[in-house]
């Protein structure tokens, strides 16, 4: 979709955030962008985070493997917490609790792809940002909306200083940005979410409410 293409080709900030409604194509666009980024980066170590190793595999790694299979060499070692693609080592780290902060402490990576980042603690996110310390490192975050008081929303998505400086760029996705969804599915999803005003605004409209 035009929104996905815009994210892929213009996500050149230090922190690039794709947020919005469920099933809107955020993750696949960010996965493609991250693959292109690591292949062009001069660095050899990167990081993918998610709520757990299982969600990382389901949401990101499977698609990464489909993208490179038959084109680039890869090795996936889930229980050793890494995926290698074309000589690049990508560490896979679950951010489900405060202990995750210790997992990233001391690392240095050329880039970080964060899936479901709203499930991570503030201390873990802040520590992970400090790990992207090499010149040219970039971050790509994806998430569905939460409360408007969530630190990701207040500290990054609506932080005017970071937006004006170009340190953070944000893309808001809606259901219509996923061209693979049928009109019938979109209408059914809207219908089942109408019972809850909060769910409808978050899941369908992609609003932080």
C-alpha atoms as a PDB file:
ATOM      1  CA  UNK A   1       0.000   0.000   0.000  1.00  0.00           C
ATOM      2  CA  UNK A   2       1.136   3.640  -0.311  1.00  0.00           C
ATOM      3  CA  UNK A   3       1.457   3.827   3.494  1.00  0.00           C
ATOM      4  CA  UNK A   4       3.653   0.706   3.620  1.00  0.00           C
ATOM      5  CA  UNK A   5       5.802   1.962   0.735  1.00  0.00           C
ATOM      6  CA  UNK A   6       6.209   5.327   2.441  1.00  0.00           C
ATOM      7  CA  UNK A   7       7.391   3.616   5.610  1.00  0.00           C
ATOM      8  CA  UNK A   8       9.803   1.356   3.717  1.00  0.00           C
ATOM      9  CA  UNK A   9      11.402   4.164   1.697  1.00  0.00           C
ATOM     10  CA  UNK A  10      11.264   7.084   4.140  1.00  0.00           C
ATOM     11  CA  UNK A  11      11.991   5.484   7.528  1.00  0.00           C
ATOM     12  CA  UNK A  12      15.413   7.101   7.808  1.00  0.00           C
ATOM     13  CA  UNK A  13      15.159   8.537  11.336  1.00  0.00           C
ATOM     14  CA  UNK A  14      16.931   7.298  14.441  1.00  0.00           C
ATOM     15  CA  UNK A  15      13.578   5.960  15.703  1.00  0.00           C
ATOM     16  CA  UNK A  16      10.892   4.979  13.179  1.00  0.00           C
ATOM     17  CA  UNK A  17       7.469   4.059  14.581  1.00  0.00           C
ATOM     18  CA  UNK A  18       4.634   2.237  12.792  1.00  0.00           C
ATOM     19  CA  UNK A  19       1.505   2.278  14.962  1.00  0.00           C
ATOM     20  CA  UNK A  20      -2.213   1.972  14.411  1.00  0.00           C
ATOM     21  CA  UNK A  21      -5.064  -0.467  14.018  1.00  0.00           C
ATOM     22  CA  UNK A  22      -4.792  -4.244  14.090  1.00  0.00           C
ATOM     23  CA  UNK A  23      -4.199  -6.133  10.812  1.00  0.00           C
ATOM     24  CA  UNK A  24      -3.090  -2.943   9.060  1.00  0.00           C
ATOM     25  CA  UNK A  25       0.195  -4.162   7.551  1.00  0.00           C
ATOM     26  CA  UNK A  26       2.554  -2.501  10.040  1.00  0.00           C
ATOM     27  CA  UNK A  27       4.559  -5.614  10.847  1.00  0.00           C
ATOM     28  CA  UNK A  28       5.185  -6.858   7.324  1.00  0.00           C
ATOM     29  CA  UNK A  29       6.261  -3.382   6.174  1.00  0.00           C
ATOM     30  CA  UNK A  30       8.630  -3.043   9.125  1.00  0.00           C
ATOM     31  CA  UNK A  31       9.998  -6.559   8.601  1.00  0.00           C
ATOM     32  CA  UNK A  32      10.814  -5.810   4.972  1.00  0.00           C
ATOM     33  CA  UNK A  33      12.397  -2.498   5.960  1.00  0.00           C
ATOM     34  CA  UNK A  34      14.516  -4.098   8.666  1.00  0.00           C
ATOM     35  CA  UNK A  35      15.770  -6.763   6.259  1.00  0.00           C
ATOM     36  CA  UNK A  36      16.823  -4.108   3.747  1.00  0.00           C
ATOM     37  CA  UNK A  37      18.461  -2.127   6.544  1.00  0.00           C
ATOM     38  CA  UNK A  38      20.597  -4.946   7.924  1.00  0.00           C
ATOM     39  CA  UNK A  39      21.678  -6.020   4.428  1.00  0.00           C
ATOM     40  CA  UNK A  40      22.947  -2.509   3.675  1.00  0.00           C
ATOM     41  CA  UNK A  41      24.436  -1.847   7.118  1.00  0.00           C
ATOM     42  CA  UNK A  42      28.213  -2.090   7.672  1.00  0.00           C
ATOM     43  CA  UNK A  43      27.580  -3.662  11.090  1.00  0.00           C
ATOM     44  CA  UNK A  44      27.245  -7.342  11.942  1.00  0.00           C
ATOM     45  CA  UNK A  45      25.034  -7.465  15.047  1.00  0.00           C
ATOM     46  CA  UNK A  46      21.399  -6.420  15.424  1.00  0.00           C
ATOM     47  CA  UNK A  47      18.443  -7.048  17.706  1.00  0.00           C
ATOM     48  CA  UNK A  48      14.799  -8.021  17.349  1.00  0.00           C
ATOM     49  CA  UNK A  49      12.601  -7.763  20.418  1.00  0.00           C
ATOM     50  CA  UNK A  50       9.047  -8.897  21.082  1.00  0.00           C
ATOM     51  CA  UNK A  51       6.874  -9.852  23.986  1.00  0.00           C
ATOM     52  CA  UNK A  52       8.355 -13.397  24.017  1.00  0.00           C
ATOM     53  CA  UNK A  53      10.547 -15.556  21.785  1.00  0.00           C
ATOM     54  CA  UNK A  54       7.392 -17.289  20.562  1.00  0.00           C
ATOM     55  CA  UNK A  55       5.766 -14.031  19.458  1.00  0.00           C
ATOM     56  CA  UNK A  56       8.996 -12.945  17.770  1.00  0.00           C
ATOM     57  CA  UNK A  57       8.999 -16.189  15.800  1.00  0.00           C
ATOM     58  CA  UNK A  58       5.316 -15.926  14.883  1.00  0.00           C
ATOM     59  CA  UNK A  59       5.195 -12.217  14.071  1.00  0.00           C
ATOM     60  CA  UNK A  60       8.610 -11.536  12.546  1.00  0.00           C
ATOM     61  CA  UNK A  61      11.028 -14.435  12.058  1.00  0.00           C
ATOM     62  CA  UNK A  62       8.732 -16.564   9.885  1.00  0.00           C
ATOM     63  CA  UNK A  63       8.263 -13.718   7.426  1.00  0.00           C
ATOM     64  CA  UNK A  64      11.965 -12.866   7.453  1.00  0.00           C
ATOM     65  CA  UNK A  65      12.779 -16.458   6.538  1.00  0.00           C
ATOM     66  CA  UNK A  66      10.196 -16.448   3.729  1.00  0.00           C
ATOM     67  CA  UNK A  67      11.766 -13.278   2.351  1.00  0.00           C
ATOM     68  CA  UNK A  68      15.315 -14.661   2.244  1.00  0.00           C
ATOM     69  CA  UNK A  69      14.690 -18.364   1.541  1.00  0.00           C
ATOM     70  CA  UNK A  70      16.405 -19.322  -1.699  1.00  0.00           C
ATOM     71  CA  UNK A  71      17.993 -15.879  -1.969  1.00  0.00           C
ATOM     72  CA  UNK A  72      20.231 -15.358   1.073  1.00  0.00           C
ATOM     73  CA  UNK A  73      21.856 -17.836   3.475  1.00  0.00           C
ATOM     74  CA  UNK A  74      20.279 -17.971   6.915  1.00  0.00           C
ATOM     75  CA  UNK A  75      20.404 -19.967  10.151  1.00  0.00           C
ATOM     76  CA  UNK A  76      17.686 -19.813  12.801  1.00  0.00           C
ATOM     77  CA  UNK A  77      18.454 -20.947  16.360  1.00  0.00           C
ATOM     78  CA  UNK A  78      15.409 -20.094  18.435  1.00  0.00           C
ATOM     79  CA  UNK A  79      16.662 -21.541  21.705  1.00  0.00           C
ATOM     80  CA  UNK A  80      20.063 -19.931  21.261  1.00  0.00           C
ATOM     81  CA  UNK A  81      18.247 -16.636  20.705  1.00  0.00           C
ATOM     82  CA  UNK A  82      19.572 -15.692  17.293  1.00  0.00           C
ATOM     83  CA  UNK A  83      18.905 -15.580  13.565  1.00  0.00           C
ATOM     84  CA  UNK A  84      21.758 -15.224  11.075  1.00  0.00           C
ATOM     85  CA  UNK A  85      21.059 -13.729   7.647  1.00  0.00           C
ATOM     86  CA  UNK A  86      23.831 -13.275   5.093  1.00  0.00           C
ATOM     87  CA  UNK A  87      26.492 -13.137   7.789  1.00  0.00           C
ATOM     88  CA  UNK A  88      24.547 -10.755  10.026  1.00  0.00           C
ATOM     89  CA  UNK A  89      23.742 -11.897  13.587  1.00  0.00           C
ATOM     90  CA  UNK A  90      20.303 -10.849  14.869  1.00  0.00           C
ATOM     91  CA  UNK A  91      19.725 -11.431  18.565  1.00  0.00           C
ATOM     92  CA  UNK A  92      16.138 -12.346  19.520  1.00  0.00           C
ATOM     93  CA  UNK A  93      15.090 -11.072  22.950  1.00  0.00           C
ATOM     94  CA  UNK A  94      11.755 -11.306  24.760  1.00  0.00           C
ATOM     95  CA  UNK A  95      10.877  -8.070  26.545  1.00  0.00           C
ATOM     96  CA  UNK A  96       8.101  -9.500  28.716  1.00  0.00           C
ATOM     97  CA  UNK A  97       9.403  -8.365  32.105  1.00  0.00           C
ATOM     98  CA  UNK A  98      11.809  -6.045  33.917  1.00  0.00           C
ATOM     99  CA  UNK A  99      14.509  -8.723  33.760  1.00  0.00           C
ATOM    100  CA  UNK A 100      14.754  -8.057  30.037  1.00  0.00           C
ATOM    101  CA  UNK A 101      16.747  -4.921  30.833  1.00  0.00           C
ATOM    102  CA  UNK A 102      19.654  -7.097  31.942  1.00  0.00           C
ATOM    103  CA  UNK A 103      19.490  -9.084  28.694  1.00  0.00           C
ATOM    104  CA  UNK A 104      20.350  -6.050  26.600  1.00  0.00           C
ATOM    105  CA  UNK A 105      22.747  -4.364  28.990  1.00  0.00           C
ATOM    106  CA  UNK A 106      26.253  -4.361  27.525  1.00  0.00           C
ATOM    107  CA  UNK A 107      25.151  -5.095  23.957  1.00  0.00           C
ATOM    108  CA  UNK A 108      26.097  -2.900  20.999  1.00  0.00           C
ATOM    109  CA  UNK A 109      23.942  -3.283  17.885  1.00  0.00           C
ATOM    110  CA  UNK A 110      23.667  -1.573  14.516  1.00  0.00           C
ATOM    111  CA  UNK A 111      19.879  -1.616  14.595  1.00  0.00           C
ATOM    112  CA  UNK A 112      16.834  -2.742  16.549  1.00  0.00           C
ATOM    113  CA  UNK A 113      13.439  -3.961  15.380  1.00  0.00           C
ATOM    114  CA  UNK A 114      10.838  -3.923  18.165  1.00  0.00           C
ATOM    115  CA  UNK A 115       7.560  -5.821  17.762  1.00  0.00           C
ATOM    116  CA  UNK A 116       4.703  -5.244  20.235  1.00  0.00           C
ATOM    117  CA  UNK A 117       6.799  -2.656  22.032  1.00  0.00           C
ATOM    118  CA  UNK A 118       3.986  -1.404  24.261  1.00  0.00           C
ATOM    119  CA  UNK A 119       4.315  -4.646  26.252  1.00  0.00           C
ATOM    120  CA  UNK A 120       7.858  -3.713  27.324  1.00  0.00           C
ATOM    121  CA  UNK A 121       8.778  -1.739  30.427  1.00  0.00           C
ATOM    122  CA  UNK A 122      10.089   1.804  30.154  1.00  0.00           C
ATOM    123  CA  UNK A 123      13.437   0.854  31.668  1.00  0.00           C
ATOM    124  CA  UNK A 124      13.932  -1.908  29.089  1.00  0.00           C
ATOM    125  CA  UNK A 125      13.089   0.375  26.169  1.00  0.00           C
ATOM    126  CA  UNK A 126      15.403   3.094  27.446  1.00  0.00           C
ATOM    127  CA  UNK A 127      18.230   0.598  27.915  1.00  0.00           C
ATOM    128  CA  UNK A 128      17.714  -0.862  24.431  1.00  0.00           C
ATOM    129  CA  UNK A 129      17.911   2.606  22.877  1.00  0.00           C
ATOM    130  CA  UNK A 130      21.348   3.109  24.433  1.00  0.00           C
ATOM    131  CA  UNK A 131      22.525  -0.109  22.755  1.00  0.00           C
ATOM    132  CA  UNK A 132      22.046   1.458  19.300  1.00  0.00           C
ATOM    133  CA  UNK A 133      25.124   3.617  19.797  1.00  0.00           C
ATOM    134  CA  UNK A 134      27.106   3.088  16.581  1.00  0.00           C
ATOM    135  CA  UNK A 135      27.033   5.657  13.804  1.00  0.00           C
ATOM    136  CA  UNK A 136      24.075   5.105  11.485  1.00  0.00           C
ATOM    137  CA  UNK A 137      22.155   2.795  13.830  1.00  0.00           C
ATOM    138  CA  UNK A 138      18.383   2.921  13.440  1.00  0.00           C
ATOM    139  CA  UNK A 139      15.317   1.584  15.219  1.00  0.00           C
ATOM    140  CA  UNK A 140      12.030   0.332  13.789  1.00  0.00           C
ATOM    141  CA  UNK A 141       9.134  -0.050  16.239  1.00  0.00           C
ATOM    142  CA  UNK A 142       5.674  -1.513  15.635  1.00  0.00           C
ATOM    143  CA  UNK A 143       2.700  -1.508  17.982  1.00  0.00           C
ATOM    144  CA  UNK A 144      -1.046  -1.313  18.420  1.00  0.00           C
ATOM    145  CA  UNK A 145      -2.355   1.614  20.496  1.00  0.00           C
ATOM    146  CA  UNK A 146      -2.696   1.553  24.258  1.00  0.00           C
ATOM    147  CA  UNK A 147      -3.586   4.286  26.750  1.00  0.00           C
ATOM    148  CA  UNK A 148      -2.711   7.879  25.772  1.00  0.00           C
ATOM    149  CA  UNK A 149      -0.703   7.940  29.016  1.00  0.00           C
ATOM    150  CA  UNK A 150       1.577   5.119  27.857  1.00  0.00           C
ATOM    151  CA  UNK A 151       5.196   6.280  27.842  1.00  0.00           C
ATOM    152  CA  UNK A 152       5.703   5.313  24.181  1.00  0.00           C
ATOM    153  CA  UNK A 153       2.911   7.711  23.219  1.00  0.00           C
ATOM    154  CA  UNK A 154       3.907  10.555  25.532  1.00  0.00           C
ATOM    155  CA  UNK A 155       7.701  10.285  25.260  1.00  0.00           C
ATOM    156  CA  UNK A 156       8.077   9.471  21.555  1.00  0.00           C
ATOM    157  CA  UNK A 157       4.976   9.539  19.328  1.00  0.00           C
ATOM    158  CA  UNK A 158       3.756  12.938  20.560  1.00  0.00           C
ATOM    159  CA  UNK A 159       7.130  14.363  21.621  1.00  0.00           C
ATOM    160  CA  UNK A 160       7.181  17.476  19.439  1.00  0.00           C
ATOM    161  CA  UNK A 161      10.869  18.178  20.018  1.00  0.00           C
ATOM    162  CA  UNK A 162      11.881  14.729  18.752  1.00  0.00           C
ATOM    163  CA  UNK A 163       9.458  14.946  15.821  1.00  0.00           C
ATOM    164  CA  UNK A 164      10.593  18.424  14.760  1.00  0.00           C
ATOM    165  CA  UNK A 165      14.270  17.455  14.945  1.00  0.00           C
ATOM    166  CA  UNK A 166      13.697  14.345  12.814  1.00  0.00           C
ATOM    167  CA  UNK A 167      14.962  12.035  15.553  1.00  0.00           C
ATOM    168  CA  UNK A 168      11.561  10.294  15.545  1.00  0.00           C
ATOM    169  CA  UNK A 169       9.277   9.639  12.572  1.00  0.00           C
ATOM    170  CA  UNK A 170       5.810   8.134  12.947  1.00  0.00           C
ATOM    171  CA  UNK A 171       3.400   6.419  10.574  1.00  0.00           C
ATOM    172  CA  UNK A 172      -0.238   5.822  11.548  1.00  0.00           C
ATOM    173  CA  UNK A 173      -1.728   2.728   9.871  1.00  0.00           C
ATOM    174  CA  UNK A 174      -5.408   1.865   9.438  1.00  0.00           C
ATOM    175  CA  UNK A 175      -7.194  -1.255   8.189  1.00  0.00           C
ATOM    176  CA  UNK A 176      -7.400   0.246   4.702  1.00  0.00           C
ATOM    177  CA  UNK A 177      -3.596   0.305   4.546  1.00  0.00           C
ATOM    178  CA  UNK A 178      -3.587  -3.500   4.269  1.00  0.00           C
ATOM    179  CA  UNK A 179      -4.558  -4.192   0.661  1.00  0.00           C
ATOM    180  CA  UNK A 180      -4.878  -7.936   1.366  1.00  0.00           C
ATOM    181  CA  UNK A 181      -7.935  -7.496   3.599  1.00  0.00           C
ATOM    182  CA  UNK A 182     -11.303  -7.936   1.952  1.00  0.00           C
ATOM    183  CA  UNK A 183     -14.016  -5.336   2.437  1.00  0.00           C
ATOM    184  CA  UNK A 184     -16.153  -8.028   4.028  1.00  0.00           C
ATOM    185  CA  UNK A 185     -13.485  -8.889   6.621  1.00  0.00           C
ATOM    186  CA  UNK A 186     -13.000  -5.202   7.467  1.00  0.00           C
ATOM    187  CA  UNK A 187     -16.742  -4.741   7.987  1.00  0.00           C
ATOM    188  CA  UNK A 188     -16.964  -7.890  10.138  1.00  0.00           C
ATOM    189  CA  UNK A 189     -14.015  -6.750  12.272  1.00  0.00           C
ATOM    190  CA  UNK A 190     -15.613  -3.345  12.760  1.00  0.00           C
ATOM    191  CA  UNK A 191     -18.896  -4.988  13.732  1.00  0.00           C
ATOM    192  CA  UNK A 192     -17.448  -7.259  16.434  1.00  0.00           C
ATOM    193  CA  UNK A 193     -15.460  -4.386  17.953  1.00  0.00           C
ATOM    194  CA  UNK A 194     -18.414  -1.997  18.232  1.00  0.00           C
ATOM    195  CA  UNK A 195     -19.463  -3.514  21.566  1.00  0.00           C
ATOM    196  CA  UNK A 196     -16.607  -1.648  23.225  1.00  0.00           C
ATOM    197  CA  UNK A 197     -15.927   1.971  22.355  1.00  0.00           C
ATOM    198  CA  UNK A 198     -12.326   1.656  23.577  1.00  0.00           C
ATOM    199  CA  UNK A 199     -11.677  -1.492  21.543  1.00  0.00           C
ATOM    200  CA  UNK A 200     -13.207   0.074  18.445  1.00  0.00           C
ATOM    201  CA  UNK A 201     -11.097   3.203  18.704  1.00  0.00           C
ATOM    202  CA  UNK A 202      -7.895   1.245  19.377  1.00  0.00           C
ATOM    203  CA  UNK A 203      -8.326  -1.804  17.120  1.00  0.00           C
ATOM    204  CA  UNK A 204     -10.200  -0.225  14.222  1.00  0.00           C
ATOM    205  CA  UNK A 205      -9.275   3.462  14.248  1.00  0.00           C
ATOM    206  CA  UNK A 206      -5.818   2.973  15.732  1.00  0.00           C
ATOM    207  CA  UNK A 207      -6.314   5.666  18.354  1.00  0.00           C
ATOM    208  CA  UNK A 208      -4.525   5.895  21.689  1.00  0.00           C
ATOM    209  CA  UNK A 209      -7.518   6.087  24.050  1.00  0.00           C
END
